[in-house]
Amino acid sequence: MTAVLGRGTCGGHVTLLFTVEDLDDDPIRQGSLGAGLCLADGAEAVARGQPGDYSLSVRFLDGAGDTRMFQQVLDPLKDEIAEFGEMSWEIAIRNHLPSSQGFGMSAAGAVAAAGAFQRAIGLPHEESMRRSFAIAHRVERANSTGLGDVTALAAGGVERRLAPGAPYSGSGLTSGPGKAEGWSEGTPVVLAWRASPGRHTSEYIDHPDWKRLISEAGQTQMDALASGEWDASRWGELLEAAEAFATDSRLIDDASRSTLIEAGQNACERAGLATETTVLLCMLGESIVIVPNDATASQSLDSLIDELAKEGLESTLSSVGQLS
């Protein structure tokens, strides 16, 4: 058998508000309620396998990363499908957004890697994607790197999570306890962050006081957002809910996040976009996302990049991804 190659991609995810739902002993049923933005940019993985002893070599094309996570992705594939265990593997990872900054990159990397491995041996696309989301959710919960990112990504677009848990599970991979839905107008966004990595997500979601504050604030907003149709008409309501959540959860006051909001607003003012945009916190990084007040707007946000640099922030242009 000759060497096989497979490629997988997955956009990142910005959580705007959420609850912590981790009391169930089964990680498949752990997760969060909430809402956020799935991104067009994220992680890319290329896997190469050849006959040999089971092993994995991980290479990052743009800096360092957590190699253990990719072993955690491959091992359950081997346990389920014997062919994976009959090969030695290499995987190359390219992240288009920084890690540990609230952009859901651990979830994106796990989904992309699982897809790359499966496509290398020729598994059907739809089956592979469902299995990728199922495995990535388990990896996220094992590492306390996320709660609802994977379920959000399985919906795509501007998403709301209506039930916690993995989006797919079980032998048939037909569904899971986690439920989410999304819509997308391809809305342009600007992501901005401090150069130093943010605090690890586990410092919040595993801390009892933060869990209580976050969940109470998130549930208050979801009581309104969870009802009615979910479409572009809810955009303004989502932006208001995200701002209220940041304040009520007290996350805006932790890690000097309020200064991030101020920096983003200053940049918008100088770019002449103050009345046309909203600056929101990305949970749980030390980062912001700047979005147009009209979800269907097509105006350029390019001028914000230089202005954000003047505020000492790194930034990049992206957009809301399409539905999965």
Protein backbone atom coordinates (compact mmCIF):
# COMPACT_ATOMS: atom_id res chain seq x y z
CA MET A 1 0.00 0.00 0.00
CA THR A 2 1.35 3.42 -0.92
CA ALA A 3 1.21 6.52 1.25
CA VAL A 4 -2.15 8.27 1.56
CA LEU A 5 -2.92 11.97 2.00
CA GLY A 6 -5.93 13.81 3.36
CA ARG A 7 -6.76 17.45 4.08
CA GLY A 8 -9.19 18.92 6.59
CA THR A 9 -10.22 22.47 7.41
CA CYS A 10 -12.39 24.09 10.04
CA GLY A 11 -13.13 27.71 10.87
CA GLY A 12 -12.73 29.15 14.34
CA HIS A 13 -15.52 30.26 16.65
CA VAL A 14 -16.15 33.31 18.82
CA THR A 15 -18.38 32.78 21.84
CA LEU A 16 -20.34 35.91 22.73
CA LEU A 17 -22.32 34.51 25.68
CA PHE A 18 -22.66 31.11 27.30
CA THR A 19 -23.50 28.94 30.30
CA VAL A 20 -21.42 26.16 31.84
CA GLU A 21 -23.25 22.82 31.70
CA ASP A 22 -20.76 20.21 32.99
CA LEU A 23 -22.50 18.39 35.84
CA ASP A 24 -23.32 15.24 33.87
CA ASP A 25 -20.67 12.52 34.27
CA ASP A 26 -20.86 11.75 30.56
CA PRO A 27 -18.76 14.28 28.56
CA ILE A 28 -21.07 13.70 25.59
CA ARG A 29 -23.77 15.51 27.58
CA GLN A 30 -21.55 18.31 28.82
CA GLY A 31 -21.41 21.63 26.99
CA SER A 32 -23.14 24.98 27.08
CA LEU A 33 -26.08 27.06 26.03
CA GLY A 34 -25.15 30.29 24.31
CA ALA A 35 -24.55 32.13 21.07
CA GLY A 36 -21.64 33.23 18.95
CA LEU A 37 -20.02 33.54 15.53
CA CYS A 38 -18.47 30.77 13.46
CA LEU A 39 -15.59 32.16 11.42
CA ALA A 40 -14.48 31.64 7.84
CA ASP A 41 -10.84 31.40 9.03
CA GLY A 42 -9.44 28.81 11.39
CA ALA A 43 -7.29 25.68 11.15
CA GLU A 44 -6.00 23.58 8.27
CA ALA A 45 -4.55 20.05 8.57
CA VAL A 46 -2.84 17.75 6.10
CA ALA A 47 -2.40 14.11 7.16
CA ARG A 48 -0.08 11.55 5.59
CA GLY A 49 -0.18 7.87 6.42
CA GLN A 50 1.89 4.91 5.26
CA PRO A 51 2.00 1.22 6.24
CA GLY A 52 3.97 0.69 9.43
CA ASP A 53 3.83 0.65 13.20
CA TYR A 54 1.14 2.89 14.66
CA SER A 55 2.62 6.30 15.49
CA LEU A 56 2.01 9.99 14.98
CA SER A 57 4.35 12.88 14.19
CA VAL A 58 2.93 16.41 14.47
CA ARG A 59 4.37 19.45 12.72
CA PHE A 60 3.15 23.03 13.14
CA LEU A 61 3.67 25.27 10.12
CA ASP A 62 3.33 28.53 12.05
CA GLY A 63 4.80 28.07 15.51
CA ALA A 64 4.33 25.68 18.41
CA GLY A 65 1.20 23.97 19.65
CA ASP A 66 -0.20 21.12 21.73
CA THR A 67 0.85 17.88 20.00
CA ARG A 68 -1.00 15.76 22.57
CA MET A 69 -4.37 16.92 21.26
CA PHE A 70 -3.77 15.37 17.84
CA GLN A 71 -2.91 12.02 19.41
CA GLN A 72 -6.19 12.32 21.31
CA VAL A 73 -7.93 12.75 17.93
CA LEU A 74 -6.19 9.83 16.22
CA ASP A 75 -6.49 7.26 19.02
CA PRO A 76 -10.32 7.00 18.97
CA LEU A 77 -10.19 6.72 15.17
CA LYS A 78 -7.82 3.75 15.58
CA ASP A 79 -10.11 2.20 18.19
CA GLU A 80 -13.09 2.46 15.86
CA ILE A 81 -11.49 1.71 12.49
CA ALA A 82 -8.67 -0.87 12.41
CA GLU A 83 -6.99 0.59 9.32
CA PHE A 84 -5.80 3.63 11.28
CA GLY A 85 -3.80 1.39 13.62
CA GLU A 86 -1.95 -0.30 10.76
CA MET A 87 -0.19 2.89 9.64
CA SER A 88 2.35 5.44 10.82
CA TRP A 89 1.03 8.98 10.54
CA GLU A 90 2.26 12.51 10.08
CA ILE A 91 0.10 15.60 10.31
CA ALA A 92 0.93 19.20 9.46
CA ILE A 93 -1.13 21.94 11.11
CA ARG A 94 -1.54 25.54 10.00
CA ASN A 95 -3.47 27.90 12.26
CA HIS A 96 -4.78 31.06 10.64
CA LEU A 97 -5.75 32.56 14.00
CA PRO A 98 -3.87 32.61 17.34
CA SER A 99 -4.51 30.02 20.04
CA SER A 100 -5.74 30.78 23.57
CA GLN A 101 -7.40 34.02 22.50
CA GLY A 102 -11.07 33.08 22.39
CA PHE A 103 -11.21 32.04 18.74
CA GLY A 104 -12.04 28.35 19.31
CA MET A 105 -8.81 27.16 17.77
CA SER A 106 -8.48 23.96 19.79
CA ALA A 107 -11.90 22.87 18.54
CA ALA A 108 -11.09 23.95 14.98
CA GLY A 109 -7.77 22.09 15.06
CA ALA A 110 -9.35 18.89 16.37
CA VAL A 111 -12.12 18.95 13.75
CA ALA A 112 -9.67 19.71 10.93
CA ALA A 113 -7.27 16.96 12.01
CA ALA A 114 -10.00 14.33 12.38
CA GLY A 115 -11.25 15.21 8.90
CA ALA A 116 -7.75 14.99 7.40
CA PHE A 117 -7.08 11.54 8.87
CA GLN A 118 -10.39 10.16 7.63
CA ARG A 119 -10.12 11.61 4.15
CA ALA A 120 -6.65 10.07 3.85
CA ILE A 121 -8.16 6.59 3.95
CA GLY A 122 -11.14 7.56 1.82
CA LEU A 123 -14.03 7.59 4.29
CA PRO A 124 -17.22 9.30 3.00
CA HIS A 125 -17.33 13.07 3.56
CA GLU A 126 -20.58 13.32 5.55
CA GLU A 127 -19.68 10.39 7.78
CA SER A 128 -16.21 11.87 8.34
CA MET A 129 -17.54 15.27 9.34
CA ARG A 130 -19.98 13.83 11.85
CA ARG A 131 -17.27 11.67 13.37
CA SER A 132 -14.89 14.65 13.42
CA PHE A 133 -17.34 16.73 15.45
CA ALA A 134 -18.04 13.82 17.83
CA ILE A 135 -14.33 13.20 18.50
CA ALA A 136 -13.45 16.90 18.77
CA HIS A 137 -16.15 17.42 21.41
CA ARG A 138 -14.72 14.61 23.55
CA VAL A 139 -11.20 16.03 23.19
CA GLU A 140 -12.38 19.50 24.19
CA ARG A 141 -14.06 18.21 27.33
CA ALA A 142 -11.09 16.00 28.28
CA ASN A 143 -8.78 19.02 28.14
CA SER A 144 -11.22 21.67 29.49
CA THR A 145 -10.40 23.76 26.43
CA GLY A 146 -14.00 24.40 25.47
CA LEU A 147 -17.64 23.67 26.15
CA GLY A 148 -19.79 24.51 23.15
CA ASP A 149 -17.36 25.41 20.35
CA VAL A 150 -17.74 22.08 18.55
CA THR A 151 -21.53 22.07 18.70
CA ALA A 152 -21.51 25.66 17.45
CA LEU A 153 -19.20 24.74 14.55
CA ALA A 154 -21.48 21.86 13.62
CA ALA A 155 -24.23 24.44 13.02
CA GLY A 156 -22.12 27.20 11.46
CA GLY A 157 -22.81 30.87 10.83
CA VAL A 158 -24.28 33.03 13.59
CA GLU A 159 -25.21 30.26 15.98
CA ARG A 160 -27.29 29.72 19.08
CA ARG A 161 -26.89 26.61 21.23
CA LEU A 162 -30.22 25.38 22.56
CA ALA A 163 -29.14 22.16 24.33
CA PRO A 164 -25.73 21.23 25.76
CA GLY A 165 -23.66 18.29 24.59
CA ALA A 166 -21.96 16.83 21.54
CA PRO A 167 -23.69 17.45 18.20
CA TYR A 168 -23.20 13.81 17.14
CA SER A 169 -22.68 10.64 19.15
CA GLY A 170 -23.36 6.92 19.16
CA SER A 171 -22.60 4.26 16.58
CA GLY A 172 -24.81 5.83 13.91
CA LEU A 173 -23.55 9.39 14.42
CA THR A 174 -27.00 10.61 13.39
CA SER A 175 -27.45 13.13 16.19
CA GLY A 176 -26.39 14.00 19.70
CA PRO A 177 -27.73 15.66 22.82
CA GLY A 178 -26.23 18.99 21.74
CA LYS A 179 -28.52 21.13 19.61
CA ALA A 180 -27.57 24.31 17.74
CA GLU A 181 -28.78 26.25 14.73
CA GLY A 182 -27.29 29.01 12.64
CA TRP A 183 -27.73 31.50 9.83
CA SER A 184 -25.19 33.43 7.79
CA GLU A 185 -24.98 36.52 5.65
CA GLY A 186 -21.17 36.30 5.42
CA THR A 187 -20.94 39.36 7.68
CA PRO A 188 -17.42 40.89 7.75
CA VAL A 189 -15.69 41.02 11.15
CA VAL A 190 -12.37 42.19 12.56
CA LEU A 191 -10.67 40.13 15.26
CA ALA A 192 -8.15 41.86 17.56
CA TRP A 193 -6.10 40.57 20.47
CA ARG A 194 -3.26 41.26 22.84
CA ALA A 195 0.07 39.82 21.74
CA SER A 196 0.47 37.67 24.87
CA PRO A 197 -1.73 34.56 25.18
CA GLY A 198 -4.86 34.84 27.26
CA ARG A 199 -5.77 32.79 30.35
CA HIS A 200 -6.62 29.14 29.78
CA THR A 201 -10.34 28.48 29.44
CA SER A 202 -10.20 25.96 32.30
CA GLU A 203 -9.37 28.78 34.73
CA TYR A 204 -12.95 29.97 34.24
CA ILE A 205 -15.09 26.97 33.42
CA ASP A 206 -13.57 24.81 36.18
CA HIS A 207 -13.76 27.55 38.84
CA PRO A 208 -17.00 27.40 40.91
CA ASP A 209 -17.42 31.16 41.35
CA TRP A 210 -16.81 31.96 37.69
CA LYS A 211 -19.09 29.10 36.64
CA ARG A 212 -21.91 30.53 38.71
CA LEU A 213 -21.47 34.10 37.47
CA ILE A 214 -21.12 33.03 33.86
CA SER A 215 -24.04 30.61 33.90
CA GLU A 216 -26.43 33.03 35.60
CA ALA A 217 -25.57 35.80 33.15
CA GLY A 218 -25.71 33.45 30.16
CA GLN A 219 -29.03 31.93 31.14
CA THR A 220 -30.59 35.38 31.52
CA GLN A 221 -29.68 36.26 27.94
CA MET A 222 -30.60 32.85 26.53
CA ASP A 223 -34.07 33.06 28.08
CA ALA A 224 -34.78 35.69 25.41
CA LEU A 225 -32.52 34.54 22.57
CA ALA A 226 -33.70 30.92 22.63
CA SER A 227 -37.28 31.74 21.58
CA GLY A 228 -38.53 32.63 18.12
CA GLU A 229 -37.00 32.24 14.68
CA TRP A 230 -33.22 32.50 14.45
CA ASP A 231 -32.26 34.65 11.47
CA ALA A 232 -30.68 37.97 10.50
CA SER A 233 -33.52 39.91 12.15
CA ARG A 234 -32.06 38.86 15.55
CA TRP A 235 -28.61 40.40 14.94
CA GLY A 236 -29.19 43.59 16.93
CA GLU A 237 -30.69 41.60 19.78
CA LEU A 238 -27.62 39.34 19.82
CA LEU A 239 -25.23 42.29 20.02
CA GLU A 240 -27.14 43.78 22.94
CA ALA A 241 -27.24 40.40 24.72
CA ALA A 242 -23.49 39.95 24.27
CA GLU A 243 -22.76 43.34 25.83
CA ALA A 244 -25.10 42.62 28.75
CA PHE A 245 -23.51 39.20 29.32
CA ALA A 246 -19.99 40.65 29.42
CA THR A 247 -21.07 43.09 32.14
CA ASP A 248 -23.30 40.81 34.20
CA SER A 249 -20.78 37.94 34.23
CA ARG A 250 -18.06 40.41 35.32
CA LEU A 251 -15.79 39.03 32.60
CA ILE A 252 -15.41 42.54 31.20
CA ASP A 253 -13.66 43.57 34.41
CA ASP A 254 -11.32 40.56 34.59
CA ALA A 255 -7.93 40.56 32.79
CA SER A 256 -8.46 44.26 31.99
CA ARG A 257 -10.89 43.35 29.21
CA SER A 258 -12.61 46.73 29.55
CA THR A 259 -9.44 48.34 28.17
CA LEU A 260 -9.72 46.07 25.12
CA ILE A 261 -13.23 47.35 24.46
CA GLU A 262 -12.01 50.92 24.85
CA ALA A 263 -9.12 50.32 22.46
CA GLY A 264 -11.50 48.89 19.87
CA GLN A 265 -13.87 51.81 20.23
CA ASN A 266 -10.99 54.27 19.85
CA ALA A 267 -9.92 52.56 16.65
CA CYS A 268 -13.47 52.64 15.29
CA GLU A 269 -13.76 56.34 16.10
CA ARG A 270 -10.56 57.22 14.24
CA ALA A 271 -11.60 55.06 11.28
CA GLY A 272 -14.95 56.87 11.05
CA LEU A 273 -16.87 53.68 11.90
CA ALA A 274 -18.00 54.41 15.46
CA THR A 275 -21.70 54.68 14.59
CA GLU A 276 -21.66 51.73 12.19
CA THR A 277 -19.92 49.09 14.33
CA THR A 278 -20.04 47.39 17.74
CA VAL A 279 -17.04 46.13 19.72
CA LEU A 280 -17.64 42.87 21.61
CA LEU A 281 -15.54 40.63 23.84
CA CYS A 282 -14.56 37.16 22.64
CA MET A 283 -15.10 34.59 25.38
CA LEU A 284 -12.81 33.53 26.96
CA GLY A 285 -9.78 35.16 25.41
CA GLU A 286 -8.23 38.56 25.82
CA SER A 287 -9.62 39.64 22.48
CA ILE A 288 -12.41 41.51 20.76
CA VAL A 289 -14.48 41.16 17.64
CA ILE A 290 -15.67 44.27 15.80
CA VAL A 291 -18.84 43.76 13.80
CA PRO A 292 -21.12 45.98 11.68
CA ASN A 293 -24.40 46.95 13.31
CA ASP A 294 -26.15 45.69 10.17
CA ALA A 295 -25.49 41.98 9.58
CA THR A 296 -26.06 42.40 5.85
CA ALA A 297 -23.65 45.33 5.54
CA SER A 298 -20.86 44.97 3.02
CA GLN A 299 -18.74 47.99 3.96
CA SER A 300 -15.00 47.46 4.25
CA LEU A 301 -13.48 47.23 7.72
CA ASP A 302 -9.91 47.25 6.39
CA SER A 303 -9.13 50.68 7.83
CA LEU A 304 -9.48 49.27 11.35
CA ILE A 305 -6.30 47.18 11.06
CA ASP A 306 -3.93 50.16 11.14
CA GLU A 307 -5.96 51.89 13.84
CA LEU A 308 -5.94 48.81 16.07
CA ALA A 309 -2.15 48.58 15.69
CA LYS A 310 -1.94 52.11 17.10
CA GLU A 311 -3.75 50.76 20.16
CA GLY A 312 -1.12 48.04 20.57
CA LEU A 313 -3.36 45.24 19.30
CA GLU A 314 -2.76 42.62 16.66
CA SER A 315 -5.72 42.07 14.34
CA THR A 316 -7.01 40.40 11.21
CA LEU A 317 -9.99 40.57 8.88
CA SER A 318 -12.38 37.64 8.70
CA SER A 319 -16.08 37.00 8.19
CA VAL A 320 -18.91 34.88 9.55
CA GLY A 321 -18.63 31.42 8.01
CA GLN A 322 -21.29 29.59 6.09
CA LEU A 323 -23.56 26.93 7.59
CA SER A 324 -21.92 23.56 8.16
